[in-house]
């Protein structure tokens, strides 16, 4: 039979494990907001940036990507268009 200490430890551990995916999802949404802010700062002609995909659902996993739809980004090769590296 497990000791009261072991029972308490595992109860807290399982609760933390259940909360971890939601914490990762919240951090990912925050990262998407930072990315959208950086894109908007680099290209002011951007009209809207949409976040979509698994990050908005319970299906978001540790290795899921962030899906952003950017409206108004200049076409490749047009003046002012360049690669933008977003760092976290």
C-alpha atoms as a PDB file:
ATOM      1  CA  UNK A   1       0.000   0.000   0.000  1.00  0.00           C
ATOM      2  CA  UNK A   2       1.316   3.460  -0.911  1.00  0.00           C
ATOM      3  CA  UNK A   3       2.153   5.958   1.783  1.00  0.00           C
ATOM      4  CA  UNK A   4       0.066   9.148   2.169  1.00  0.00           C
ATOM      5  CA  UNK A   5       3.077  11.108   0.879  1.00  0.00           C
ATOM      6  CA  UNK A   6       3.291   8.997  -2.290  1.00  0.00           C
ATOM      7  CA  UNK A   7      -0.460   9.287  -2.863  1.00  0.00           C
ATOM      8  CA  UNK A   8      -0.285  13.081  -2.535  1.00  0.00           C
ATOM      9  CA  UNK A   9       2.751  13.276  -4.824  1.00  0.00           C
ATOM     10  CA  UNK A  10       1.109  11.298  -7.603  1.00  0.00           C
ATOM     11  CA  UNK A  11      -2.191  13.159  -7.312  1.00  0.00           C
ATOM     12  CA  UNK A  12      -0.342  16.483  -7.776  1.00  0.00           C
ATOM     13  CA  UNK A  13       1.847  15.052 -10.526  1.00  0.00           C
ATOM     14  CA  UNK A  14      -1.143  13.780 -12.524  1.00  0.00           C
ATOM     15  CA  UNK A  15      -2.905  17.130 -12.111  1.00  0.00           C
ATOM     16  CA  UNK A  16       0.192  18.963 -13.389  1.00  0.00           C
ATOM     17  CA  UNK A  17       0.460  16.573 -16.342  1.00  0.00           C
ATOM     18  CA  UNK A  18      -3.164  17.308 -17.281  1.00  0.00           C
ATOM     19  CA  UNK A  19      -2.495  21.073 -17.161  1.00  0.00           C
ATOM     20  CA  UNK A  20       0.749  21.010 -19.184  1.00  0.00           C
ATOM     21  CA  UNK A  21      -0.885  20.908 -22.655  1.00  0.00           C
ATOM     22  CA  UNK A  22      -3.035  23.941 -21.851  1.00  0.00           C
ATOM     23  CA  UNK A  23       0.023  25.864 -20.610  1.00  0.00           C
ATOM     24  CA  UNK A  24       1.854  25.011 -23.847  1.00  0.00           C
ATOM     25  CA  UNK A  25      -1.157  26.131 -25.888  1.00  0.00           C
ATOM     26  CA  UNK A  26      -1.348  29.458 -24.042  1.00  0.00           C
ATOM     27  CA  UNK A  27       2.380  30.044 -24.579  1.00  0.00           C
ATOM     28  CA  UNK A  28       1.946  29.256 -28.284  1.00  0.00           C
ATOM     29  CA  UNK A  29      -0.881  31.778 -28.625  1.00  0.00           C
ATOM     30  CA  UNK A  30       1.313  34.375 -26.908  1.00  0.00           C
ATOM     31  CA  UNK A  31       4.107  33.549 -29.377  1.00  0.00           C
ATOM     32  CA  UNK A  32       1.672  33.975 -32.287  1.00  0.00           C
ATOM     33  CA  UNK A  33       0.685  37.407 -30.968  1.00  0.00           C
ATOM     34  CA  UNK A  34       4.373  38.400 -30.816  1.00  0.00           C
ATOM     35  CA  UNK A  35       4.862  37.120 -34.369  1.00  0.00           C
ATOM     36  CA  UNK A  36       1.835  39.051 -35.621  1.00  0.00           C
ATOM     37  CA  UNK A  37       3.107  42.207 -33.918  1.00  0.00           C
ATOM     38  CA  UNK A  38       6.539  41.775 -35.526  1.00  0.00           C
ATOM     39  CA  UNK A  39       5.017  41.171 -38.965  1.00  0.00           C
ATOM     40  CA  UNK A  40       2.765  44.202 -38.637  1.00  0.00           C
ATOM     41  CA  UNK A  41       5.715  46.333 -37.580  1.00  0.00           C
ATOM     42  CA  UNK A  42       7.793  45.170 -40.548  1.00  0.00           C
ATOM     43  CA  UNK A  43       5.016  45.448 -43.139  1.00  0.00           C
ATOM     44  CA  UNK A  44       2.485  48.147 -42.167  1.00  0.00           C
ATOM     45  CA  UNK A  45       0.421  47.357 -45.280  1.00  0.00           C
ATOM     46  CA  UNK A  46      -0.687  44.082 -43.674  1.00  0.00           C
ATOM     47  CA  UNK A  47      -4.435  44.271 -43.176  1.00  0.00           C
ATOM     48  CA  UNK A  48      -5.126  41.323 -40.908  1.00  0.00           C
ATOM     49  CA  UNK A  49      -3.388  38.333 -39.398  1.00  0.00           C
ATOM     50  CA  UNK A  50      -5.434  35.283 -38.513  1.00  0.00           C
ATOM     51  CA  UNK A  51      -4.417  32.499 -36.152  1.00  0.00           C
ATOM     52  CA  UNK A  52      -5.953  29.124 -36.997  1.00  0.00           C
ATOM     53  CA  UNK A  53      -5.361  25.408 -36.674  1.00  0.00           C
ATOM     54  CA  UNK A  54      -4.760  23.061 -33.786  1.00  0.00           C
ATOM     55  CA  UNK A  55      -3.543  25.794 -31.428  1.00  0.00           C
ATOM     56  CA  UNK A  56      -7.174  26.840 -31.090  1.00  0.00           C
ATOM     57  CA  UNK A  57      -8.293  23.339 -30.111  1.00  0.00           C
ATOM     58  CA  UNK A  58      -7.498  20.652 -27.597  1.00  0.00           C
ATOM     59  CA  UNK A  59      -5.619  18.903 -30.418  1.00  0.00           C
ATOM     60  CA  UNK A  60      -2.584  21.166 -29.972  1.00  0.00           C
ATOM     61  CA  UNK A  61       0.485  19.074 -29.135  1.00  0.00           C
ATOM     62  CA  UNK A  62       4.051  19.782 -28.041  1.00  0.00           C
ATOM     63  CA  UNK A  63       5.353  19.607 -31.628  1.00  0.00           C
ATOM     64  CA  UNK A  64       2.413  21.330 -33.328  1.00  0.00           C
ATOM     65  CA  UNK A  65       3.126  24.344 -35.474  1.00  0.00           C
ATOM     66  CA  UNK A  66       1.475  27.765 -35.443  1.00  0.00           C
ATOM     67  CA  UNK A  67      -0.703  28.581 -38.435  1.00  0.00           C
ATOM     68  CA  UNK A  68      -0.965  32.254 -39.393  1.00  0.00           C
ATOM     69  CA  UNK A  69      -2.860  33.647 -42.367  1.00  0.00           C
ATOM     70  CA  UNK A  70      -1.541  37.065 -43.349  1.00  0.00           C
ATOM     71  CA  UNK A  71      -3.704  39.381 -45.475  1.00  0.00           C
ATOM     72  CA  UNK A  72      -1.937  42.190 -47.306  1.00  0.00           C
ATOM     73  CA  UNK A  73       1.651  40.926 -47.198  1.00  0.00           C
ATOM     74  CA  UNK A  74       3.494  42.242 -50.280  1.00  0.00           C
ATOM     75  CA  UNK A  75       3.989  39.704 -53.056  1.00  0.00           C
ATOM     76  CA  UNK A  76       7.367  38.011 -53.348  1.00  0.00           C
ATOM     77  CA  UNK A  77       9.736  40.175 -55.353  1.00  0.00           C
ATOM     78  CA  UNK A  78       7.870  43.427 -54.740  1.00  0.00           C
ATOM     79  CA  UNK A  79       9.658  46.352 -53.148  1.00  0.00           C
ATOM     80  CA  UNK A  80       9.696  46.120 -49.394  1.00  0.00           C
ATOM     81  CA  UNK A  81       9.144  42.366 -49.346  1.00  0.00           C
ATOM     82  CA  UNK A  82      11.846  40.428 -47.572  1.00  0.00           C
ATOM     83  CA  UNK A  83      12.254  37.469 -45.318  1.00  0.00           C
ATOM     84  CA  UNK A  84      11.472  38.156 -41.705  1.00  0.00           C
ATOM     85  CA  UNK A  85      12.976  35.874 -39.068  1.00  0.00           C
ATOM     86  CA  UNK A  86      10.855  35.820 -35.929  1.00  0.00           C
ATOM     87  CA  UNK A  87      12.654  34.912 -32.748  1.00  0.00           C
ATOM     88  CA  UNK A  88      11.135  33.938 -29.446  1.00  0.00           C
END
